[in-house]
C-alpha atoms as a PDB file:
ATOM      1  CA  MET A   1     112.327 100.511  61.381  1.00  0.00           C
ATOM      2  CA  LYS A   2     109.462  98.282  61.570  1.00  0.00           C
ATOM      3  CA  THR A   3     108.295  97.165  65.150  1.00  0.00           C
ATOM      4  CA  LYS A   4     107.136  93.388  65.586  1.00  0.00           C
ATOM      5  CA  LEU A   5     103.240  93.460  66.688  1.00  0.00           C
ATOM      6  CA  LEU A   6     102.430  91.817  69.947  1.00  0.00           C
ATOM      7  CA  PRO A   7     100.126  88.635  69.694  1.00  0.00           C
ATOM      8  CA  TYR A   8      96.389  88.551  69.981  1.00  0.00           C
ATOM      9  CA  GLU A   9      96.627  86.148  72.638  1.00  0.00           C
ATOM     10  CA  THR A  10      99.451  88.219  74.742  1.00  0.00           C
ATOM     11  CA  ILE A  11      96.991  91.190  74.910  1.00  0.00           C
ATOM     12  CA  TYR A  12      94.129  89.038  75.254  1.00  0.00           C
ATOM     13  CA  ASP A  13      95.699  87.255  78.327  1.00  0.00           C
ATOM     14  CA  ALA A  14      97.134  90.778  79.724  1.00  0.00           C
ATOM     15  CA  VAL A  15      93.590  92.380  79.523  1.00  0.00           C
ATOM     16  CA  ASN A  16      92.332  89.388  81.539  1.00  0.00           C
ATOM     17  CA  GLY A  17      94.731  89.953  84.191  1.00  0.00           C
ATOM     18  CA  ASP A  18      97.810  87.605  83.710  1.00  0.00           C
ATOM     19  CA  SER A  19     100.523  89.126  85.181  1.00  0.00           C
ATOM     20  CA  GLU A  20     103.396  87.615  83.061  1.00  0.00           C
ATOM     21  CA  ALA A  21     101.383  88.910  79.569  1.00  0.00           C
ATOM     22  CA  THR A  22     101.429  92.131  81.181  1.00  0.00           C
ATOM     23  CA  LEU A  23     104.804  91.986  81.925  1.00  0.00           C
ATOM     24  CA  CYS A  24     105.381  91.342  78.057  1.00  0.00           C
ATOM     25  CA  VAL A  25     103.064  94.350  77.176  1.00  0.00           C
ATOM     26  CA  LEU A  26     105.588  96.443  79.530  1.00  0.00           C
ATOM     27  CA  LYS A  27     108.459  95.058  77.751  1.00  0.00           C
ATOM     28  CA  HIS A  28     107.411  95.439  74.289  1.00  0.00           C
ATOM     29  CA  PHE A  29     106.473  99.227  74.704  1.00  0.00           C
ATOM     30  CA  GLU A  30     109.655  99.647  77.108  1.00  0.00           C
ATOM     31  CA  ALA A  31     111.741 101.766  74.706  1.00  0.00           C
ATOM     32  CA  TYR A  32     108.986 104.042  73.591  1.00  0.00           C
ATOM     33  CA  ILE A  33     108.125 104.601  77.214  1.00  0.00           C
ATOM     34  CA  ASN A  34     112.011 105.382  77.896  1.00  0.00           C
ATOM     35  CA  THR A  35     111.747 108.068  74.940  1.00  0.00           C
ATOM     36  CA  LEU A  36     108.846 109.608  76.230  1.00  0.00           C
ATOM     37  CA  SER A  37     110.114 109.932  79.712  1.00  0.00           C
ATOM     38  CA  ARG A  38     113.378 111.218  78.778  1.00  0.00           C
ATOM     39  CA  ARG A  39     114.467 114.479  80.254  1.00  0.00           C
ATOM     40  CA  LYS A  40     117.340 116.850  79.464  1.00  0.00           C
ATOM     41  CA  ARG A  41     120.268 116.800  82.245  1.00  0.00           C
ATOM     42  CA  VAL A  42     123.393 118.868  82.415  1.00  0.00           C
ATOM     43  CA  THR A  43     126.584 117.791  83.996  1.00  0.00           C
ATOM     44  CA  GLN A  44     128.883 119.698  86.684  1.00  0.00           C
ATOM     45  CA  ASN A  45     130.749 120.405  83.638  1.00  0.00           C
ATOM     46  CA  GLY A  46     127.895 121.914  81.590  1.00  0.00           C
ATOM     47  CA  ILE A  47     127.387 119.211  79.315  1.00  0.00           C
ATOM     48  CA  PRO A  48     123.807 118.483  78.321  1.00  0.00           C
ATOM     49  CA  TYR A  49     122.639 114.551  77.892  1.00  0.00           C
ATOM     50  CA  TRP A  50     119.181 112.928  77.745  1.00  0.00           C
ATOM     51  CA  GLU A  51     117.963 110.237  80.135  1.00  0.00           C
ATOM     52  CA  PRO A  52     114.807 108.693  81.216  1.00  0.00           C
ATOM     53  CA  ASP A  53     113.208 110.153  84.255  1.00  0.00           C
ATOM     54  CA  GLU A  54     112.193 107.323  86.637  1.00  0.00           C
ATOM     55  CA  ASP A  55     109.013 108.874  88.042  1.00  0.00           C
ATOM     56  CA  ILE A  56     107.648 109.593  84.664  1.00  0.00           C
ATOM     57  CA  LYS A  57     108.364 106.263  83.266  1.00  0.00           C
ATOM     58  CA  ARG A  58     106.647 104.435  86.289  1.00  0.00           C
ATOM     59  CA  GLU A  59     103.597 106.865  85.631  1.00  0.00           C
ATOM     60  CA  LEU A  60     103.509 106.086  82.207  1.00  0.00           C
ATOM     61  CA  GLU A  61     103.682 102.457  82.899  1.00  0.00           C
ATOM     62  CA  ILE A  62     100.901 102.662  85.549  1.00  0.00           C
ATOM     63  CA  GLU A  63      98.797 104.374  82.822  1.00  0.00           C
ATOM     64  CA  LEU A  64      99.429 101.540  80.179  1.00  0.00           C
ATOM     65  CA  ILE A  65      98.676  98.499  82.893  1.00  0.00           C
ATOM     66  CA  THR A  66      95.734 100.882  83.974  1.00  0.00           C
ATOM     67  CA  LYS A  67      94.578 101.198  80.055  1.00  0.00           C
ATOM     68  CA  LEU A  68      94.770  97.680  79.619  1.00  0.00           C
ATOM     69  CA  SER A  69      92.040  96.749  82.178  1.00  0.00           C
ATOM     70  CA  ARG A  70      89.517  98.769  80.130  1.00  0.00           C
ATOM     71  CA  PHE A  71      90.774  97.321  76.672  1.00  0.00           C
ATOM     72  CA  ASN A  72      87.936  95.433  74.922  1.00  0.00           C
ATOM     73  CA  CYS A  73      89.098  92.315  73.525  1.00  0.00           C
ATOM     74  CA  LEU A  74      86.835  90.283  71.160  1.00  0.00           C
ATOM     75  CA  ASP A  75      86.120  87.290  72.861  1.00  0.00           C
ATOM     76  CA  GLY A  76      86.929  83.884  70.487  1.00  0.00           C
END
């Protein structure tokens, strides 16, 4: 499946502290973050299933936001 790229302007605005653009970036990577944070759990009946670990998910989101502040965008 081909993923649609984020517009440069959205990334630029997020790098420069725009909270709405930052939320767009987080939303764009939400499925990937959920995949990375999945952990195997077992029901009381012994049936295994996978679910996102909320602590890991938050850590990944914080790391993404932190890296955005260090990202270098070319000005105009």
